[in-house]
């Protein structure tokens, strides 16, 4: 049986404004195309040292154990729970969206007991609810929270809860998949013991690695385990030997090209500066929300609790979710995300993360949405959304946040 040979794959042009992945800087793509080295080559081991230093900078930590787990953000999540949770141990988990629920599931798969603090989607986990859970008679091994809930656009405060964890001698586990490099995150100052993220969101690197940092308290808990970690591949006690500068013992073949890419993406973060990067995300989100408001799309989360990196907005009755998103992709090459779980069909999730967070991208999306809304006869006047965004930009700092050129 014969068939035509399969030709080269050429991806269509896309503007990625969904919940991930985000756009990738040309310098990162060039880094990925560099020739391979062996994963124990001295030059590659030196690159790993660079990645660790740069990750400490963006995590805001002095933790020696700061690495990139081979796998996506979900691998970082699983590594956290299979290493820290043993059968029968209790973990308090904040559940206010898809990823809080996923953390609770991973606790249970590791043999632990997930003590869920559930709040309506779109709300934060309140510190007093965490205190109440910690004050119960049974000992709590850890508290786990999502810093940036990708399913709802909620920005969870962490500092007070970090203090509570120290008060009750519980470990503090934080999911920073959609926040690392886009909003302030202070691992050391907020008493976070284990924090994981993903490369494909605010760091604007392709998916495939999960930055992770662990405190000495977390590492001591791993060393004192009574039972072996249920995952060999994600056993941080074993992985540590490969990332430790003085040992570099073989564990698995590292994704070499991805680590090239991550190093370059982190260099871009350092060059821009964290403060400037956070301000860029803030201003672009404010401009986007101002424009969307003119189209009757309103934020799900309350003011002061909204992520600038992932903008979750509710849809007006006259706007068909699937049809509008399909038109955006088909006619304009723009990807945005729909709702998950109970929010399916009711919200849009618009990512302005890393390289996706620019004024040009905000205005491109608003122009496209204006044209789609105009077809339903619901647009008050042409250009109203873009004009609202422009007013936000005009009111922001006269010197716009610096961008890194290719």
Protein backbone atom coordinates (compact mmCIF):
# COMPACT_ATOMS: atom_id res chain seq x y z
CA UNK A 1 0.00 0.00 0.00
CA UNK A 2 1.53 3.31 -1.09
CA UNK A 3 0.75 6.82 0.07
CA UNK A 4 1.98 10.32 -0.60
CA UNK A 5 4.99 11.33 1.51
CA UNK A 6 4.16 13.60 4.41
CA UNK A 7 5.40 17.12 3.75
CA UNK A 8 7.02 19.60 6.10
CA UNK A 9 4.72 20.98 8.79
CA UNK A 10 4.36 24.76 8.60
CA UNK A 11 2.28 26.08 11.51
CA UNK A 12 -0.21 28.80 10.60
CA UNK A 13 0.51 32.27 12.03
CA UNK A 14 -1.15 32.73 15.41
CA UNK A 15 -1.33 35.45 18.03
CA UNK A 16 -1.39 33.46 21.27
CA UNK A 17 -3.58 35.30 23.78
CA UNK A 18 -5.03 32.29 25.57
CA UNK A 19 -4.17 30.74 28.94
CA UNK A 20 -0.93 29.36 27.50
CA UNK A 21 1.34 28.91 25.74
CA UNK A 22 2.33 32.52 25.23
CA UNK A 23 4.29 34.08 22.39
CA UNK A 24 8.02 33.30 22.33
CA UNK A 25 10.80 35.82 21.69
CA UNK A 26 12.96 35.17 18.59
CA UNK A 27 16.05 34.96 20.80
CA UNK A 28 14.50 32.00 22.64
CA UNK A 29 13.67 30.23 19.38
CA UNK A 30 17.23 30.78 18.16
CA UNK A 31 18.60 29.35 21.40
CA UNK A 32 16.53 26.19 20.90
CA UNK A 33 18.09 25.62 17.49
CA UNK A 34 21.68 25.55 18.83
CA UNK A 35 23.61 22.26 18.40
CA UNK A 36 23.12 19.66 21.11
CA UNK A 37 25.58 18.90 23.86
CA UNK A 38 25.66 15.83 26.05
CA UNK A 39 23.70 16.27 29.26
CA UNK A 40 26.88 15.66 31.29
CA UNK A 41 29.12 17.84 29.10
CA UNK A 42 30.96 20.42 31.26
CA UNK A 43 29.66 23.24 29.06
CA UNK A 44 26.08 22.06 29.55
CA UNK A 45 26.57 21.70 33.30
CA UNK A 46 27.75 25.32 33.36
CA UNK A 47 24.54 26.28 31.54
CA UNK A 48 22.56 24.51 34.27
CA UNK A 49 24.31 26.69 36.85
CA UNK A 50 23.18 29.75 34.88
CA UNK A 51 19.60 28.49 34.81
CA UNK A 52 19.62 27.96 38.58
CA UNK A 53 20.97 31.46 39.27
CA UNK A 54 18.44 33.07 36.95
CA UNK A 55 15.57 31.07 38.44
CA UNK A 56 16.55 32.17 41.96
CA UNK A 57 16.33 35.75 40.72
CA UNK A 58 12.80 35.37 39.36
CA UNK A 59 11.55 33.26 42.31
CA UNK A 60 13.12 35.80 44.69
CA UNK A 61 14.83 33.12 46.74
CA UNK A 62 18.24 32.05 47.98
CA UNK A 63 17.24 28.36 47.97
CA UNK A 64 20.15 26.26 46.67
CA UNK A 65 17.61 23.68 45.47
CA UNK A 66 16.14 25.68 42.60
CA UNK A 67 15.85 23.64 39.41
CA UNK A 68 13.83 23.02 36.26
CA UNK A 69 11.90 19.74 36.40
CA UNK A 70 11.73 17.89 33.08
CA UNK A 71 8.04 18.14 32.23
CA UNK A 72 5.33 20.79 32.04
CA UNK A 73 3.84 22.69 34.97
CA UNK A 74 1.72 19.69 35.89
CA UNK A 75 4.94 17.71 36.39
CA UNK A 76 6.03 20.40 38.84
CA UNK A 77 2.71 20.03 40.66
CA UNK A 78 3.02 16.26 40.83
CA UNK A 79 6.65 16.49 41.98
CA UNK A 80 5.56 18.71 44.86
CA UNK A 81 2.95 16.33 46.21
CA UNK A 82 4.54 12.93 45.59
CA UNK A 83 7.68 14.12 47.37
CA UNK A 84 6.15 15.92 50.34
CA UNK A 85 3.03 13.85 51.04
CA UNK A 86 3.13 10.39 52.57
CA UNK A 87 0.18 8.01 53.11
CA UNK A 88 -2.15 9.22 55.84
CA UNK A 89 -0.82 12.79 56.03
CA UNK A 90 -3.19 15.75 55.86
CA UNK A 91 -2.78 18.66 53.46
CA UNK A 92 -5.02 21.73 53.53
CA UNK A 93 -5.83 22.62 49.91
CA UNK A 94 -7.51 25.80 48.71
CA UNK A 95 -10.01 24.90 46.00
CA UNK A 96 -11.45 27.83 44.06
CA UNK A 97 -10.91 26.60 40.52
CA UNK A 98 -9.64 23.76 38.34
CA UNK A 99 -6.06 23.77 39.56
CA UNK A 100 -6.83 23.83 43.26
CA UNK A 101 -9.03 20.79 42.64
CA UNK A 102 -6.17 19.13 40.75
CA UNK A 103 -3.82 19.69 43.70
CA UNK A 104 -6.32 17.99 46.01
CA UNK A 105 -6.50 15.03 43.64
CA UNK A 106 -2.71 14.71 43.62
CA UNK A 107 -2.63 14.74 47.43
CA UNK A 108 -5.06 11.83 47.43
CA UNK A 109 -3.16 9.93 44.74
CA UNK A 110 -0.06 10.23 46.93
CA UNK A 111 -2.03 8.53 49.72
CA UNK A 112 -2.66 11.69 51.70
CA UNK A 113 -5.86 13.27 52.96
CA UNK A 114 -6.89 16.48 51.21
CA UNK A 115 -8.68 18.83 53.59
CA UNK A 116 -10.38 21.10 51.07
CA UNK A 117 -11.19 24.76 51.71
CA UNK A 118 -13.73 25.44 48.97
CA UNK A 119 -14.87 28.88 47.89
CA UNK A 120 -16.91 29.94 44.83
CA UNK A 121 -14.97 30.19 41.60
CA UNK A 122 -13.83 33.79 41.21
CA UNK A 123 -13.13 34.28 44.95
CA UNK A 124 -9.86 34.01 46.90
CA UNK A 125 -9.13 31.63 49.78
CA UNK A 126 -9.44 33.74 52.93
CA UNK A 127 -6.65 33.57 55.57
CA UNK A 128 -9.15 33.04 58.39
CA UNK A 129 -10.42 29.89 56.67
CA UNK A 130 -6.85 28.60 56.46
CA UNK A 131 -6.32 29.38 60.16
CA UNK A 132 -9.49 27.50 61.07
CA UNK A 133 -8.32 24.44 59.12
CA UNK A 134 -4.86 24.57 60.72
CA UNK A 135 -6.34 24.91 64.20
CA UNK A 136 -8.15 21.59 64.01
CA UNK A 137 -6.85 18.80 66.24
CA UNK A 138 -5.27 16.65 63.53
CA UNK A 139 -1.72 17.58 62.47
CA UNK A 140 -1.40 19.23 59.05
CA UNK A 141 1.65 18.45 56.92
CA UNK A 142 1.21 21.32 54.45
CA UNK A 143 -1.03 24.04 53.05
CA UNK A 144 -1.33 24.22 49.26
CA UNK A 145 -2.63 27.22 47.31
CA UNK A 146 -2.74 28.41 43.71
CA UNK A 147 -1.19 31.88 43.42
CA UNK A 148 -2.74 32.55 40.01
CA UNK A 149 -5.81 30.43 39.30
CA UNK A 150 -5.78 30.02 35.52
CA UNK A 151 -9.40 28.89 35.34
CA UNK A 152 -10.80 32.06 36.96
CA UNK A 153 -8.21 34.83 36.73
CA UNK A 154 -8.05 35.14 40.53
CA UNK A 155 -4.86 36.49 42.15
CA UNK A 156 -4.45 34.86 45.57
CA UNK A 157 -2.67 36.82 48.37
CA UNK A 158 -0.02 34.62 50.02
CA UNK A 159 1.97 36.57 52.59
CA UNK A 160 -0.40 36.23 55.55
CA UNK A 161 -0.98 32.56 54.85
CA UNK A 162 2.77 31.96 54.73
CA UNK A 163 3.02 33.39 58.25
CA UNK A 164 0.19 31.10 59.39
CA UNK A 165 2.02 28.06 58.04
CA UNK A 166 5.08 28.91 60.13
CA UNK A 167 2.90 29.53 63.18
CA UNK A 168 1.38 26.04 62.87
CA UNK A 169 4.58 24.36 61.63
CA UNK A 170 3.06 23.37 58.28
CA UNK A 171 4.84 23.43 54.94
CA UNK A 172 3.59 25.97 52.39
CA UNK A 173 3.20 24.74 48.78
CA UNK A 174 2.39 27.28 46.06
CA UNK A 175 1.37 26.85 42.42
CA UNK A 176 2.89 29.79 40.52
CA UNK A 177 2.36 28.43 37.01
CA UNK A 178 0.58 31.56 35.74
CA UNK A 179 2.32 34.10 37.96
CA UNK A 180 6.09 33.51 37.88
CA UNK A 181 7.68 36.39 35.97
CA UNK A 182 4.39 38.26 35.51
CA UNK A 183 3.37 39.44 38.99
CA UNK A 184 5.32 39.83 42.25
CA UNK A 185 6.26 36.52 43.89
CA UNK A 186 8.47 36.47 47.00
CA UNK A 187 9.33 32.88 47.87
CA UNK A 188 11.62 33.66 50.82
CA UNK A 189 9.80 36.71 52.21
CA UNK A 190 6.42 34.93 52.11
CA UNK A 191 7.69 31.73 53.79
CA UNK A 192 6.95 29.51 50.78
CA UNK A 193 8.54 26.08 51.18
CA UNK A 194 7.95 24.62 47.73
CA UNK A 195 6.93 26.61 44.67
CA UNK A 196 6.56 25.34 41.13
CA UNK A 197 5.73 26.95 37.81
CA UNK A 198 5.76 26.34 34.06
CA UNK A 199 7.89 27.80 31.31
CA UNK A 200 5.13 28.48 28.75
CA UNK A 201 3.29 31.26 30.56
CA UNK A 202 4.88 34.50 31.80
CA UNK A 203 8.43 33.29 31.09
CA UNK A 204 7.52 32.97 27.38
CA UNK A 205 9.45 29.79 26.77
CA UNK A 206 7.92 26.74 25.03
CA UNK A 207 6.22 24.21 27.31
CA UNK A 208 8.34 21.35 28.61
CA UNK A 209 9.99 22.44 31.86
CA UNK A 210 8.67 23.18 35.35
CA UNK A 211 10.77 25.62 37.38
CA UNK A 212 10.73 24.53 41.02
CA UNK A 213 12.33 25.76 44.22
CA UNK A 214 12.35 24.08 47.65
CA UNK A 215 13.35 25.41 51.06
CA UNK A 216 15.53 23.55 53.54
CA UNK A 217 12.37 22.78 55.53
CA UNK A 218 10.87 21.07 52.47
CA UNK A 219 14.08 19.19 51.72
CA UNK A 220 14.27 17.96 55.32
CA UNK A 221 10.72 16.62 55.00
CA UNK A 222 11.74 14.77 51.84
CA UNK A 223 14.85 13.33 53.50
CA UNK A 224 12.82 12.13 56.51
CA UNK A 225 10.23 10.22 54.47
CA UNK A 226 9.22 6.90 56.00
CA UNK A 227 8.25 5.49 52.59
CA UNK A 228 9.91 5.85 49.17
CA UNK A 229 8.60 8.53 46.83
CA UNK A 230 5.91 6.96 44.62
CA UNK A 231 7.51 8.40 41.49
CA UNK A 232 11.05 7.47 40.45
CA UNK A 233 11.22 10.05 37.67
CA UNK A 234 10.03 12.93 39.89
CA UNK A 235 11.86 11.83 43.06
CA UNK A 236 13.51 15.12 44.03
CA UNK A 237 16.01 13.36 46.28
CA UNK A 238 17.36 11.62 43.18
CA UNK A 239 16.97 14.60 40.84
CA UNK A 240 18.91 16.72 43.34
CA UNK A 241 22.02 14.69 42.72
CA UNK A 242 21.97 15.70 39.05
CA UNK A 243 21.40 19.40 39.75
CA UNK A 244 23.84 19.61 42.68
CA UNK A 245 26.99 21.37 41.47
CA UNK A 246 29.41 19.04 43.27
CA UNK A 247 27.88 15.70 42.26
CA UNK A 248 26.06 15.86 38.90
CA UNK A 249 25.08 12.20 39.16
CA UNK A 250 23.17 10.83 36.18
CA UNK A 251 19.42 10.53 36.73
CA UNK A 252 17.75 11.02 33.34
CA UNK A 253 18.61 12.66 30.04
CA UNK A 254 17.75 16.32 30.43
CA UNK A 255 15.77 18.11 27.67
CA UNK A 256 18.85 19.92 26.45
CA UNK A 257 17.30 22.26 23.87
CA UNK A 258 14.57 23.27 26.30
CA UNK A 259 17.18 24.27 28.88
CA UNK A 260 18.92 26.36 26.21
CA UNK A 261 15.57 28.07 25.63
CA UNK A 262 14.84 28.59 29.33
CA UNK A 263 18.25 30.16 29.93
CA UNK A 264 17.61 32.68 27.16
CA UNK A 265 14.05 33.39 28.32
CA UNK A 266 15.31 34.06 31.84
CA UNK A 267 18.03 36.34 30.47
CA UNK A 268 15.27 38.40 28.83
CA UNK A 269 13.45 38.62 32.17
CA UNK A 270 16.60 39.80 33.92
CA UNK A 271 17.38 42.36 31.21
CA UNK A 272 13.90 43.88 31.40
CA UNK A 273 13.90 43.90 35.21
CA UNK A 274 11.19 42.40 37.39
CA UNK A 275 9.63 45.73 38.40
CA UNK A 276 9.38 46.94 34.80
CA UNK A 277 8.01 43.57 33.73
CA UNK A 278 5.30 43.60 36.40
CA UNK A 279 4.32 47.16 35.45
CA UNK A 280 4.09 46.18 31.77
CA UNK A 281 1.69 43.37 32.62
CA UNK A 282 -0.37 45.66 34.86
CA UNK A 283 -0.77 48.44 32.29
CA UNK A 284 -1.63 46.12 29.40
CA UNK A 285 -4.22 44.30 31.49
CA UNK A 286 -5.83 47.57 32.60
CA UNK A 287 -6.02 48.74 28.98
CA UNK A 288 -7.51 45.44 27.83
CA UNK A 289 -10.18 45.44 30.56
CA UNK A 290 -11.11 49.06 29.77
CA UNK A 291 -11.63 48.13 26.14
CA UNK A 292 -13.55 44.95 26.93
CA UNK A 293 -15.88 46.87 29.25
CA UNK A 294 -17.03 48.88 26.22
CA UNK A 295 -18.02 45.56 24.65
CA UNK A 296 -19.94 44.46 27.79
CA UNK A 297 -17.32 41.92 28.88
CA UNK A 298 -16.69 42.31 32.62
CA UNK A 299 -14.08 40.71 34.94
CA UNK A 300 -15.10 37.64 36.93
CA UNK A 301 -12.83 38.39 39.90
CA UNK A 302 -13.29 41.37 42.20
CA UNK A 303 -11.14 44.46 41.80
CA UNK A 304 -7.84 43.98 43.60
CA UNK A 305 -8.04 40.21 43.09
CA UNK A 306 -7.64 40.15 39.29
CA UNK A 307 -4.62 38.70 37.59
CA UNK A 308 -2.99 41.01 35.03
CA UNK A 309 -1.49 37.94 33.36
CA UNK A 310 -4.75 36.01 32.83
CA UNK A 311 -7.85 38.13 32.31
CA UNK A 312 -11.05 36.17 32.92
CA UNK A 313 -14.15 38.05 31.72
CA UNK A 314 -17.84 37.12 31.68
CA UNK A 315 -19.71 37.15 28.39
CA UNK A 316 -22.87 39.17 27.66
CA UNK A 317 -25.91 37.11 26.57
CA UNK A 318 -25.72 38.30 22.97
CA UNK A 319 -22.17 37.00 22.42
CA UNK A 320 -21.86 33.34 21.44
CA UNK A 321 -18.72 31.93 23.04
CA UNK A 322 -17.79 29.19 20.57
CA UNK A 323 -18.76 31.15 17.44
CA UNK A 324 -16.85 34.27 18.45
CA UNK A 325 -13.69 32.40 19.44
CA UNK A 326 -13.84 30.38 16.22
CA UNK A 327 -14.12 33.60 14.21
CA UNK A 328 -11.17 35.10 16.07
CA UNK A 329 -9.02 32.12 15.18
CA UNK A 330 -10.26 31.59 11.62
CA UNK A 331 -10.41 35.21 10.45
CA UNK A 332 -7.77 36.94 12.57
CA UNK A 333 -5.41 34.16 13.71
CA UNK A 334 -5.98 35.07 17.38
CA UNK A 335 -6.29 32.40 20.07
CA UNK A 336 -8.08 33.09 23.36
CA UNK A 337 -9.37 30.58 25.91
CA UNK A 338 -12.89 29.58 26.84
CA UNK A 339 -14.17 28.69 30.28
CA UNK A 340 -13.49 25.45 32.14
CA UNK A 341 -15.84 23.36 34.27
CA UNK A 342 -18.86 25.34 35.50
CA UNK A 343 -17.59 28.42 33.65
CA UNK A 344 -17.66 26.74 30.23
CA UNK A 345 -19.47 28.99 27.76
CA UNK A 346 -19.77 31.77 30.35
CA UNK A 347 -16.29 33.35 30.36
CA UNK A 348 -13.27 34.02 28.22
CA UNK A 349 -9.71 33.64 29.50
CA UNK A 350 -7.38 36.10 27.78
CA UNK A 351 -3.70 35.70 28.51
CA UNK A 352 -1.36 38.68 28.46
CA UNK A 353 1.73 36.80 29.59
CA UNK A 354 5.35 37.58 28.83
CA UNK A 355 5.82 38.26 25.13
CA UNK A 356 2.05 38.24 24.62
CA UNK A 357 1.67 41.28 26.88
CA UNK A 358 2.14 44.25 24.55
CA UNK A 359 0.08 47.28 23.56
CA UNK A 360 0.09 46.10 19.94
CA UNK A 361 -1.46 42.76 20.91
CA UNK A 362 -4.08 44.39 23.13
CA UNK A 363 -5.18 46.75 20.37
CA UNK A 364 -5.12 43.99 17.73
CA UNK A 365 -7.46 41.86 19.84
CA UNK A 366 -9.81 44.75 20.63
CA UNK A 367 -10.03 45.74 16.96
CA UNK A 368 -10.93 42.16 16.02
CA UNK A 369 -13.51 41.86 18.79
CA UNK A 370 -15.10 45.17 17.78
CA UNK A 371 -15.62 43.82 14.26
CA UNK A 372 -17.16 40.60 15.59
CA UNK A 373 -19.46 42.42 18.02
CA UNK A 374 -20.47 44.91 15.30
CA UNK A 375 -21.94 42.05 13.27
CA UNK A 376 -24.53 41.50 16.01
CA UNK A 377 -25.48 45.18 15.92
CA UNK A 378 -24.40 45.65 19.54
CA UNK A 379 -21.48 48.05 19.02
CA UNK A 380 -22.30 51.57 20.18
CA UNK A 381 -19.73 53.21 17.92
CA UNK A 382 -16.69 52.04 15.92
CA UNK A 383 -13.39 52.22 17.75
CA UNK A 384 -14.89 52.62 21.21
CA UNK A 385 -12.96 49.70 22.76
CA UNK A 386 -9.59 50.75 21.34
CA UNK A 387 -10.21 54.35 22.41
CA UNK A 388 -10.87 53.19 25.99
CA UNK A 389 -7.61 51.24 25.97
CA UNK A 390 -5.75 54.24 24.57
CA UNK A 391 -6.94 56.39 27.45
CA UNK A 392 -5.40 53.92 29.90
CA UNK A 393 -2.10 54.01 28.04
CA UNK A 394 -2.14 57.80 27.96
CA UNK A 395 -2.72 57.93 31.71
CA UNK A 396 0.11 55.50 32.48
CA UNK A 397 3.75 56.47 32.91
CA UNK A 398 5.02 58.58 30.01
CA UNK A 399 7.96 56.23 29.58
CA UNK A 400 6.35 52.93 28.56
CA UNK A 401 7.96 49.73 29.93
CA UNK A 402 11.07 48.77 28.01
CA UNK A 403 10.85 45.90 25.55
CA UNK A 404 13.74 43.66 24.55
CA UNK A 405 14.33 43.62 20.81
CA UNK A 406 15.25 40.57 18.78
